[in-house]
Amino acid sequence: MTRDTRQMSPQARLEHLLELGGNRCTWCGYDLDKPNARPTRDMLVPKVKGGPTRLENEVAACSSCNQKRGHSDSPSQWLEACRN
């Protein structure tokens, strides 16, 4: 059974992304299950750059990576910067 993601609330979308990503930040790998973690939804291609509001364009990220990445880096550039 596939989940219809079009009608999901923002919180349900985040929970789904966390499930898909193993409760880890896509960028830095931080454990988003930790008590002090602040998981967020990060858009691979930001809305301001024409990114669609679809689950396929979203990943789970810690709030720190989401804020630092902003709209400037491409996903591959940011992933490389985080992993170095």
Protein backbone atom coordinates (compact mmCIF):
# COMPACT_ATOMS: atom_id res chain seq x y z
CA MET A 1 0.00 0.00 0.00
CA THR A 2 1.44 3.39 -0.98
CA ARG A 3 0.87 6.49 1.07
CA ASP A 4 -0.89 9.45 -0.61
CA THR A 5 1.49 12.28 0.26
CA ARG A 6 -0.44 15.05 -1.50
CA GLN A 7 -2.89 15.47 1.37
CA MET A 8 -0.42 15.08 4.24
CA SER A 9 -0.05 17.78 6.89
CA PRO A 10 3.41 19.38 7.27
CA GLN A 11 4.00 17.34 10.45
CA ALA A 12 2.96 14.10 8.73
CA ARG A 13 5.27 14.94 5.81
CA LEU A 14 8.17 15.48 8.23
CA GLU A 15 7.45 12.20 10.00
CA HIS A 16 7.37 10.41 6.64
CA LEU A 17 10.69 11.98 5.60
CA LEU A 18 12.26 11.01 8.93
CA GLU A 19 11.07 7.45 8.42
CA LEU A 20 12.53 7.36 4.91
CA GLY A 21 15.85 8.83 6.05
CA GLY A 22 16.36 6.65 9.10
CA ASN A 23 15.81 9.59 11.47
CA ARG A 24 19.06 11.19 10.33
CA CYS A 25 19.83 14.57 8.81
CA THR A 26 20.25 14.03 5.07
CA TRP A 27 23.19 16.44 5.03
CA CYS A 28 25.32 15.85 8.13
CA GLY A 29 23.93 12.56 9.40
CA TYR A 30 22.93 13.97 12.80
CA ASP A 31 20.59 11.68 14.78
CA LEU A 32 17.24 13.47 14.67
CA ASP A 33 15.87 11.18 17.40
CA LYS A 34 18.02 12.91 20.03
CA PRO A 35 16.09 14.98 22.58
CA ASN A 36 17.72 18.27 21.52
CA ALA A 37 17.28 17.63 17.77
CA ARG A 38 15.11 20.00 15.77
CA PRO A 39 14.18 18.14 12.57
CA THR A 40 12.93 20.16 9.61
CA ARG A 41 11.87 19.62 6.02
CA ASP A 42 14.41 20.98 3.56
CA MET A 43 13.59 21.47 -0.09
CA LEU A 44 16.22 20.18 -2.50
CA VAL A 45 15.30 22.91 -4.97
CA PRO A 46 13.93 25.86 -2.95
CA LYS A 47 10.57 27.41 -3.84
CA VAL A 48 12.32 30.70 -4.62
CA LYS A 49 14.27 28.85 -7.33
CA GLY A 50 11.16 27.18 -8.76
CA GLY A 51 11.22 24.01 -6.68
CA PRO A 52 7.93 22.13 -6.49
CA THR A 53 6.11 21.59 -3.23
CA ARG A 54 6.19 17.82 -3.56
CA LEU A 55 7.53 15.18 -1.24
CA GLU A 56 10.03 14.16 -3.92
CA ASN A 57 11.66 17.59 -3.48
CA GLU A 58 11.95 17.36 0.31
CA VAL A 59 14.38 15.72 2.73
CA ALA A 60 14.67 15.58 6.50
CA ALA A 61 17.39 17.88 7.81
CA CYS A 62 18.53 19.23 11.15
CA SER A 63 17.59 22.86 11.64
CA SER A 64 21.26 23.86 11.62
CA CYS A 65 21.92 22.43 8.15
CA ASN A 66 18.62 23.78 6.83
CA GLN A 67 19.46 27.31 8.00
CA LYS A 68 23.11 27.22 6.90
CA ARG A 69 22.30 25.85 3.45
CA GLY A 70 19.64 28.44 2.78
CA HIS A 71 19.00 28.93 -0.93
CA SER A 72 22.60 29.23 -2.07
CA ASP A 73 24.06 25.75 -2.49
CA SER A 74 22.90 22.95 -4.74
CA PRO A 75 22.18 19.69 -2.90
CA SER A 76 25.41 18.10 -4.17
CA GLN A 77 27.52 21.14 -3.19
CA TRP A 78 26.00 21.26 0.29
CA LEU A 79 26.37 17.50 0.83
CA GLU A 80 30.05 17.72 -0.10
CA ALA A 81 30.57 20.68 2.23
CA CYS A 82 28.85 18.89 5.11
CA ARG A 83 30.76 15.65 4.70
CA ASN A 84 34.22 17.31 4.58
